């Protein structure tokens, strides 16, 4: 139930993390997230808050929310062909996310240096901000990401 808006630019040309449980095209048990680059440079996507992801009864687990925000921010970099690893992730939970709702995710780059990128992510339900994140991502060393021909597939 993670359908996205049509007519928006899809994630980059290759996906070197096809088994990712958040967005991997080769992971049938994951979240199935898809992200889209907006004209203003932000990246967005939607997530259906299925009850199988709940912590307390009727509320999505906070770790799932953290994963959603980390994933949308990571894709903000990937859509600029910048692979990066999460270095620090700070989450602020503003309201519980009820099961059965659609969570709108968005992220943007707010700062960068040669090796460090700073991003902000937000999660909304029915237009109300329910969580936000600030994170720093690091450019990986060549040996830290599997960029061989077996890992790269068309998206």
N, C-alpha and C. Protein backbone atom coordinates (compact mmCIF):
# COMPACT_ATOMS: atom_id res chain seq x y z
N UNK A 1 0.82 -1.19 0.00
CA UNK A 1 0.00 0.00 0.00
C UNK A 1 0.87 1.26 0.00
N UNK A 2 2.10 1.14 -0.40
CA UNK A 2 3.00 2.27 -0.45
C UNK A 2 3.03 2.88 -1.84
N UNK A 3 1.88 3.17 -2.43
CA UNK A 3 1.85 3.80 -3.74
C UNK A 3 2.28 5.25 -3.61
N UNK A 4 2.99 5.73 -4.61
CA UNK A 4 3.47 7.10 -4.61
C UNK A 4 2.72 7.90 -5.66
N UNK A 5 2.90 9.19 -5.62
CA UNK A 5 2.34 10.05 -6.64
C UNK A 5 3.04 9.75 -7.96
N UNK A 6 2.30 9.81 -9.05
CA UNK A 6 2.90 9.55 -10.35
C UNK A 6 3.47 10.83 -10.93
N UNK A 7 4.32 10.69 -11.94
CA UNK A 7 4.87 11.85 -12.63
C UNK A 7 6.04 12.50 -11.93
N UNK A 8 6.54 11.91 -10.85
CA UNK A 8 7.68 12.48 -10.16
C UNK A 8 8.91 11.64 -10.46
N UNK A 9 10.06 12.28 -10.43
CA UNK A 9 11.30 11.58 -10.74
C UNK A 9 11.58 10.52 -9.70
N UNK A 10 11.83 9.31 -10.14
CA UNK A 10 12.09 8.16 -9.29
C UNK A 10 13.54 8.13 -8.87
N UNK A 11 13.83 7.36 -7.84
CA UNK A 11 15.19 7.16 -7.34
C UNK A 11 16.16 6.92 -8.48
N UNK A 12 17.43 7.27 -8.28
CA UNK A 12 18.48 7.20 -9.28
C UNK A 12 18.51 5.97 -10.17
N UNK A 13 19.49 5.89 -11.03
CA UNK A 13 19.58 4.87 -12.06
C UNK A 13 19.99 3.50 -11.53
N UNK A 14 20.70 3.45 -10.44
CA UNK A 14 21.12 2.18 -9.89
C UNK A 14 20.79 2.10 -8.41
N UNK A 15 20.68 0.88 -7.93
CA UNK A 15 20.37 0.66 -6.53
C UNK A 15 21.36 -0.36 -5.99
N UNK A 16 22.36 0.11 -5.23
CA UNK A 16 23.37 -0.79 -4.71
C UNK A 16 22.98 -1.35 -3.35
N UNK A 17 21.77 -1.08 -2.92
CA UNK A 17 21.30 -1.61 -1.64
C UNK A 17 19.94 -2.29 -1.83
N UNK A 18 19.90 -3.16 -2.81
CA UNK A 18 18.64 -3.83 -3.20
C UNK A 18 18.04 -4.70 -2.12
N UNK A 19 18.82 -5.09 -1.11
CA UNK A 19 18.29 -5.93 -0.04
C UNK A 19 17.88 -5.13 1.19
N UNK A 20 17.98 -3.82 1.12
CA UNK A 20 17.62 -2.96 2.25
C UNK A 20 16.18 -3.24 2.68
N UNK A 21 15.96 -3.43 3.99
CA UNK A 21 14.60 -3.72 4.43
C UNK A 21 13.69 -2.51 4.37
N UNK A 22 14.23 -1.31 4.26
CA UNK A 22 13.40 -0.11 4.15
C UNK A 22 12.96 0.14 2.71
N UNK A 23 13.89 0.01 1.75
CA UNK A 23 13.58 0.40 0.38
C UNK A 23 14.03 -0.59 -0.68
N UNK A 24 14.61 -1.69 -0.28
CA UNK A 24 15.20 -2.61 -1.24
C UNK A 24 14.20 -3.26 -2.18
N UNK A 25 14.51 -3.21 -3.47
CA UNK A 25 13.64 -3.81 -4.48
C UNK A 25 13.69 -5.34 -4.44
N UNK A 26 14.68 -5.89 -3.75
CA UNK A 26 14.85 -7.33 -3.69
C UNK A 26 14.44 -7.89 -2.32
N UNK A 27 13.75 -7.08 -1.52
CA UNK A 27 13.37 -7.50 -0.18
C UNK A 27 11.85 -7.51 -0.06
N UNK A 28 11.26 -8.68 -0.25
CA UNK A 28 9.81 -8.82 -0.22
C UNK A 28 9.17 -8.65 1.14
N UNK A 29 9.95 -8.68 2.20
CA UNK A 29 9.38 -8.52 3.54
C UNK A 29 9.64 -7.15 4.14
N UNK A 30 10.29 -6.26 3.39
CA UNK A 30 10.62 -4.93 3.91
C UNK A 30 9.48 -3.94 3.77
N UNK A 31 9.80 -2.68 3.99
CA UNK A 31 8.81 -1.59 3.94
C UNK A 31 8.37 -1.26 2.51
N UNK A 32 9.23 -1.50 1.54
CA UNK A 32 8.89 -1.18 0.15
C UNK A 32 8.83 0.30 -0.13
N UNK A 33 9.62 1.09 0.57
CA UNK A 33 9.59 2.53 0.39
C UNK A 33 10.08 2.94 -1.00
N UNK A 34 9.45 3.95 -1.54
CA UNK A 34 9.87 4.57 -2.80
C UNK A 34 9.90 6.07 -2.55
N UNK A 35 10.93 6.70 -3.09
CA UNK A 35 11.12 8.12 -2.86
C UNK A 35 11.21 8.87 -4.18
N UNK A 36 10.83 10.15 -4.13
CA UNK A 36 10.77 10.98 -5.31
C UNK A 36 11.41 12.33 -5.05
N UNK A 37 12.20 12.76 -6.02
CA UNK A 37 12.86 14.06 -5.92
C UNK A 37 11.88 15.14 -6.37
N UNK A 38 11.76 16.18 -5.56
CA UNK A 38 10.87 17.29 -5.87
C UNK A 38 11.67 18.40 -6.58
N UNK A 39 10.96 19.31 -7.21
CA UNK A 39 11.62 20.40 -7.94
C UNK A 39 12.49 21.26 -7.05
N UNK A 40 12.14 21.40 -5.78
CA UNK A 40 12.93 22.23 -4.87
C UNK A 40 14.13 21.51 -4.26
N UNK A 41 14.37 20.26 -4.69
CA UNK A 41 15.51 19.49 -4.21
C UNK A 41 15.22 18.59 -3.02
N UNK A 42 14.04 18.75 -2.43
CA UNK A 42 13.69 17.84 -1.34
C UNK A 42 13.33 16.48 -1.92
N UNK A 43 13.28 15.49 -1.05
CA UNK A 43 12.88 14.14 -1.43
C UNK A 43 11.70 13.77 -0.55
N UNK A 44 10.71 13.09 -1.14
CA UNK A 44 9.53 12.72 -0.36
C UNK A 44 9.07 11.31 -0.72
N UNK A 45 8.25 10.78 0.13
CA UNK A 45 7.65 9.47 -0.08
C UNK A 45 6.56 9.25 0.95
N UNK A 46 5.83 8.17 0.79
CA UNK A 46 4.76 7.83 1.70
C UNK A 46 4.95 6.43 2.27
N UNK A 47 4.40 6.22 3.46
CA UNK A 47 4.46 4.93 4.13
C UNK A 47 3.11 4.65 4.76
N UNK A 48 2.57 3.47 4.49
CA UNK A 48 1.32 3.07 5.13
C UNK A 48 1.67 2.43 6.47
N UNK A 49 1.14 2.96 7.55
CA UNK A 49 1.43 2.50 8.91
C UNK A 49 0.62 1.24 9.23
N UNK A 50 1.07 0.14 8.69
CA UNK A 50 0.43 -1.15 8.87
C UNK A 50 0.53 -1.59 10.33
N UNK A 51 -0.50 -2.22 10.87
CA UNK A 51 -0.46 -2.67 12.27
C UNK A 51 0.70 -3.63 12.58
N UNK A 52 1.28 -4.28 11.58
CA UNK A 52 2.41 -5.19 11.86
C UNK A 52 3.65 -4.42 12.33
N UNK A 53 3.63 -3.10 12.24
CA UNK A 53 4.76 -2.28 12.68
C UNK A 53 4.50 -1.58 14.01
N UNK A 54 3.47 -2.00 14.73
CA UNK A 54 3.16 -1.31 15.98
C UNK A 54 4.06 -1.73 17.12
N UNK A 55 4.20 -0.79 18.07
CA UNK A 55 4.88 -1.03 19.34
C UNK A 55 3.77 -1.21 20.36
N UNK A 56 3.34 -0.09 20.95
CA UNK A 56 2.14 -0.14 21.79
C UNK A 56 0.93 -0.34 20.89
N UNK A 57 -0.13 -0.85 21.45
CA UNK A 57 -1.32 -1.17 20.68
C UNK A 57 -1.83 0.05 19.90
N UNK A 58 -1.89 -0.10 18.58
CA UNK A 58 -2.41 0.95 17.72
C UNK A 58 -1.44 2.06 17.38
N UNK A 59 -0.18 1.95 17.83
CA UNK A 59 0.82 3.01 17.58
C UNK A 59 2.07 2.38 16.95
N UNK A 60 2.57 3.02 15.91
CA UNK A 60 3.76 2.54 15.23
C UNK A 60 4.97 2.64 16.15
N UNK A 61 5.82 1.61 16.13
CA UNK A 61 7.02 1.55 16.97
C UNK A 61 7.97 2.70 16.62
N UNK A 62 8.55 3.31 17.63
CA UNK A 62 9.45 4.44 17.42
C UNK A 62 10.67 4.09 16.58
N UNK A 63 11.14 2.86 16.66
CA UNK A 63 12.27 2.44 15.84
C UNK A 63 11.92 2.40 14.37
N UNK A 64 10.68 2.09 14.06
CA UNK A 64 10.22 2.12 12.66
C UNK A 64 10.22 3.56 12.17
N UNK A 65 9.76 4.48 12.99
CA UNK A 65 9.74 5.90 12.62
C UNK A 65 11.17 6.39 12.37
N UNK A 66 12.10 6.01 13.22
CA UNK A 66 13.50 6.39 13.03
C UNK A 66 14.04 5.85 11.71
N UNK A 67 13.69 4.61 11.39
CA UNK A 67 14.12 4.00 10.13
C UNK A 67 13.55 4.75 8.94
N UNK A 68 12.29 5.13 9.01
CA UNK A 68 11.65 5.88 7.92
C UNK A 68 12.38 7.20 7.67
N UNK A 69 12.65 7.92 8.75
CA UNK A 69 13.32 9.22 8.60
C UNK A 69 14.76 9.05 8.10
N UNK A 70 15.47 8.06 8.62
CA UNK A 70 16.83 7.80 8.14
C UNK A 70 16.81 7.45 6.66
N UNK A 71 15.85 6.68 6.24
CA UNK A 71 15.78 6.25 4.84
C UNK A 71 15.48 7.41 3.91
N UNK A 72 14.53 8.28 4.25
CA UNK A 72 14.22 9.40 3.37
C UNK A 72 15.41 10.37 3.28
N UNK A 73 16.12 10.55 4.39
CA UNK A 73 17.28 11.43 4.35
C UNK A 73 18.41 10.80 3.52
N UNK A 74 18.62 9.52 3.67
CA UNK A 74 19.64 8.83 2.86
C UNK A 74 19.33 8.98 1.38
N UNK A 75 18.07 8.84 1.01
CA UNK A 75 17.70 8.95 -0.40
C UNK A 75 17.84 10.37 -0.93
N UNK A 76 17.77 11.34 -0.05
CA UNK A 76 18.02 12.72 -0.48
C UNK A 76 19.45 12.83 -1.01
N UNK A 77 20.37 12.11 -0.40
CA UNK A 77 21.75 12.08 -0.88
C UNK A 77 21.90 11.18 -2.10
N UNK A 78 21.29 10.00 -2.04
CA UNK A 78 21.42 9.06 -3.16
C UNK A 78 20.90 9.65 -4.47
N UNK A 79 19.89 10.48 -4.40
CA UNK A 79 19.36 11.09 -5.62
C UNK A 79 20.29 12.15 -6.20
N UNK A 80 21.33 12.48 -5.45
CA UNK A 80 22.39 13.35 -5.96
C UNK A 80 23.64 12.52 -6.23
N UNK A 81 23.46 11.20 -6.31
CA UNK A 81 24.56 10.26 -6.54
C UNK A 81 25.64 10.35 -5.47
N UNK A 82 25.19 10.54 -4.22
CA UNK A 82 26.11 10.61 -3.08
C UNK A 82 25.81 9.45 -2.14
N UNK A 83 26.56 8.36 -2.22
CA UNK A 83 26.36 7.30 -1.21
C UNK A 83 26.94 7.78 0.11
N UNK A 84 26.24 7.53 1.21
CA UNK A 84 26.72 7.99 2.51
C UNK A 84 26.19 7.05 3.60
N UNK A 85 26.90 7.05 4.71
CA UNK A 85 26.53 6.24 5.86
C UNK A 85 26.10 7.15 7.00
N UNK A 86 25.10 6.73 7.73
CA UNK A 86 24.60 7.52 8.85
C UNK A 86 25.66 7.59 9.94
N UNK A 87 25.99 8.80 10.36
CA UNK A 87 26.96 9.00 11.43
C UNK A 87 26.29 9.35 12.75
N UNK A 88 25.24 10.16 12.65
CA UNK A 88 24.50 10.56 13.84
C UNK A 88 23.06 10.81 13.43
N UNK A 89 22.13 10.36 14.25
CA UNK A 89 20.71 10.50 13.95
C UNK A 89 19.99 10.91 15.24
N UNK A 90 19.33 12.06 15.20
CA UNK A 90 18.59 12.58 16.35
C UNK A 90 17.13 12.70 15.95
N UNK A 91 16.26 12.02 16.68
CA UNK A 91 14.83 11.99 16.36
C UNK A 91 14.05 12.75 17.42
N UNK A 92 13.07 13.53 16.99
CA UNK A 92 12.13 14.17 17.91
C UNK A 92 10.75 13.64 17.55
N UNK A 93 10.11 12.99 18.50
CA UNK A 93 8.76 12.47 18.31
C UNK A 93 7.78 13.49 18.85
N UNK A 94 6.89 13.99 18.00
CA UNK A 94 5.94 15.02 18.40
C UNK A 94 4.57 14.47 18.74
N UNK A 95 4.18 13.37 18.10
CA UNK A 95 2.88 12.76 18.33
C UNK A 95 2.96 11.30 17.91
N UNK A 96 2.18 10.43 18.54
CA UNK A 96 2.19 9.03 18.11
C UNK A 96 1.62 8.89 16.70
N UNK A 97 2.13 7.91 15.98
CA UNK A 97 1.61 7.61 14.64
C UNK A 97 0.70 6.40 14.77
N UNK A 98 -0.55 6.61 14.51
CA UNK A 98 -1.56 5.55 14.63
C UNK A 98 -1.46 4.58 13.46
N UNK A 99 -1.73 3.33 13.75
CA UNK A 99 -1.79 2.35 12.67
C UNK A 99 -2.95 2.70 11.74
N UNK A 100 -2.81 2.30 10.49
CA UNK A 100 -3.86 2.57 9.51
C UNK A 100 -3.77 3.93 8.86
N UNK A 101 -2.75 4.71 9.19
CA UNK A 101 -2.60 6.04 8.60
C UNK A 101 -1.50 6.03 7.55
N UNK A 102 -1.48 7.07 6.73
CA UNK A 102 -0.40 7.25 5.75
C UNK A 102 0.54 8.32 6.28
N UNK A 103 1.81 7.98 6.30
CA UNK A 103 2.84 8.90 6.80
C UNK A 103 3.55 9.49 5.59
N UNK A 104 3.55 10.81 5.50
CA UNK A 104 4.29 11.49 4.44
C UNK A 104 5.67 11.81 4.99
N UNK A 105 6.68 11.44 4.23
CA UNK A 105 8.07 11.66 4.63
C UNK A 105 8.70 12.67 3.69
N UNK A 106 9.56 13.52 4.24
CA UNK A 106 10.30 14.45 3.39
C UNK A 106 11.65 14.75 4.03
N UNK A 107 12.62 15.07 3.17
CA UNK A 107 13.97 15.37 3.66
C UNK A 107 14.64 16.38 2.75
N UNK A 108 15.63 17.07 3.34
CA UNK A 108 16.41 18.02 2.56
C UNK A 108 17.81 18.13 3.16
N UNK A 109 18.75 18.48 2.30
CA UNK A 109 20.12 18.72 2.74
C UNK A 109 20.18 20.15 3.28
N UNK A 110 20.76 20.31 4.47
CA UNK A 110 20.87 21.65 5.05
C UNK A 110 22.31 22.11 5.21
N UNK A 111 23.26 21.21 4.95
CA UNK A 111 24.67 21.60 5.04
C UNK A 111 25.55 20.49 4.51
N UNK A 112 26.73 20.89 4.01
CA UNK A 112 27.66 19.87 3.55
C UNK A 112 29.08 20.40 3.55
N UNK A 113 29.98 19.50 3.81
CA UNK A 113 31.40 19.75 3.66
C UNK A 113 31.94 18.65 2.76
N UNK A 114 33.22 18.52 2.67
CA UNK A 114 33.78 17.54 1.74
C UNK A 114 33.35 16.11 2.07
N UNK A 115 33.26 15.77 3.35
CA UNK A 115 32.96 14.40 3.75
C UNK A 115 31.70 14.24 4.59
N UNK A 116 31.14 15.34 5.09
CA UNK A 116 29.99 15.27 6.00
C UNK A 116 28.81 16.04 5.40
N UNK A 117 27.63 15.41 5.47
CA UNK A 117 26.40 16.03 4.99
C UNK A 117 25.43 16.10 6.16
N UNK A 118 24.76 17.23 6.30
CA UNK A 118 23.76 17.41 7.35
C UNK A 118 22.39 17.49 6.70
N UNK A 119 21.46 16.70 7.21
CA UNK A 119 20.12 16.64 6.64
C UNK A 119 19.05 16.79 7.71
N UNK A 120 17.88 17.21 7.25
CA UNK A 120 16.69 17.26 8.10
C UNK A 120 15.61 16.42 7.44
N UNK A 121 14.88 15.70 8.26
CA UNK A 121 13.76 14.91 7.77
C UNK A 121 12.53 15.17 8.62
N UNK A 122 11.37 15.00 8.00
CA UNK A 122 10.11 15.21 8.72
C UNK A 122 9.11 14.14 8.32
N UNK A 123 8.22 13.83 9.27
CA UNK A 123 7.14 12.89 9.03
C UNK A 123 5.83 13.58 9.39
N UNK A 124 4.84 13.45 8.51
CA UNK A 124 3.53 14.08 8.70
C UNK A 124 2.42 13.05 8.56
N UNK A 125 1.36 13.24 9.33
CA UNK A 125 0.12 12.48 9.16
C UNK A 125 -1.00 13.50 9.06
N UNK A 126 -1.73 13.46 7.97
CA UNK A 126 -2.83 14.40 7.72
C UNK A 126 -2.37 15.86 7.88
N UNK A 127 -1.15 16.14 7.41
CA UNK A 127 -0.62 17.50 7.44
C UNK A 127 -0.01 17.93 8.76
N UNK A 128 -0.11 17.11 9.79
CA UNK A 128 0.45 17.44 11.10
C UNK A 128 1.81 16.76 11.26
N UNK A 129 2.83 17.54 11.67
CA UNK A 129 4.15 16.95 11.89
C UNK A 129 4.09 16.04 13.11
N UNK A 130 4.51 14.78 12.91
CA UNK A 130 4.48 13.81 14.00
C UNK A 130 5.88 13.41 14.46
N UNK A 131 6.89 13.68 13.63
CA UNK A 131 8.27 13.38 14.00
C UNK A 131 9.21 14.16 13.08
N UNK A 132 10.40 14.44 13.59
CA UNK A 132 11.41 15.10 12.78
C UNK A 132 12.77 14.53 13.16
N UNK A 133 13.74 14.76 12.28
CA UNK A 133 15.07 14.23 12.53
C UNK A 133 16.12 15.19 11.98
N UNK A 134 17.26 15.16 12.62
CA UNK A 134 18.46 15.81 12.12
C UNK A 134 19.53 14.74 12.10
N UNK A 135 20.30 14.72 11.03
CA UNK A 135 21.31 13.66 10.92
C UNK A 135 22.54 14.16 10.20
N UNK A 136 23.64 13.49 10.47
CA UNK A 136 24.89 13.70 9.74
C UNK A 136 25.26 12.40 9.07
N UNK A 137 25.63 12.53 7.81
CA UNK A 137 26.03 11.38 7.00
C UNK A 137 27.45 11.57 6.54
N UNK A 138 28.18 10.47 6.45
CA UNK A 138 29.59 10.51 6.07
C UNK A 138 29.77 9.82 4.73
N UNK A 139 30.64 10.39 3.91
CA UNK A 139 31.05 9.69 2.69
C UNK A 139 31.82 8.45 3.11
N UNK A 140 31.47 7.29 2.56
CA UNK A 140 32.19 6.08 2.95
C UNK A 140 33.54 5.98 2.25
N UNK A 141 34.41 5.23 2.86
CA UNK A 141 35.68 4.89 2.20
C UNK A 141 35.34 3.85 1.14
N UNK A 142 36.14 3.73 0.10
CA UNK A 142 35.82 2.81 -0.99
C UNK A 142 35.49 1.38 -0.56
N UNK A 143 36.15 0.88 0.46
CA UNK A 143 35.91 -0.50 0.88
C UNK A 143 34.67 -0.67 1.76
N UNK A 144 33.99 0.42 2.11
CA UNK A 144 32.86 0.33 3.03
C UNK A 144 31.51 0.08 2.36
N UNK A 145 31.43 0.24 1.05
CA UNK A 145 30.18 -0.03 0.34
C UNK A 145 30.41 -1.09 -0.74
N UNK A 146 29.48 -2.01 -0.90
CA UNK A 146 29.62 -3.04 -1.94
C UNK A 146 29.20 -2.49 -3.30
N UNK A 147 30.14 -1.95 -4.03
CA UNK A 147 29.83 -1.35 -5.33
C UNK A 147 30.24 -2.24 -6.49
N UNK A 148 30.22 -3.56 -6.28
CA UNK A 148 30.61 -4.46 -7.36
C UNK A 148 29.42 -4.71 -8.29
N UNK A 149 29.67 -5.38 -9.38
CA UNK A 149 28.64 -5.58 -10.40
C UNK A 149 27.50 -6.45 -9.91
N UNK A 150 27.71 -7.25 -8.88
CA UNK A 150 26.64 -8.10 -8.37
C UNK A 150 25.66 -7.30 -7.51
N UNK A 151 26.08 -6.14 -7.02
CA UNK A 151 25.23 -5.33 -6.14
C UNK A 151 24.46 -4.26 -6.89
N UNK A 152 24.90 -3.89 -8.07
CA UNK A 152 24.28 -2.80 -8.80
C UNK A 152 23.27 -3.34 -9.80
N UNK A 153 22.03 -2.90 -9.64
CA UNK A 153 20.97 -3.33 -10.55
C UNK A 153 20.16 -2.13 -11.00
N UNK A 154 19.55 -2.19 -12.17
CA UNK A 154 18.68 -1.08 -12.60
C UNK A 154 17.47 -0.98 -11.69
N UNK A 155 16.98 0.22 -11.48
CA UNK A 155 15.79 0.43 -10.66
C UNK A 155 14.61 0.66 -11.59
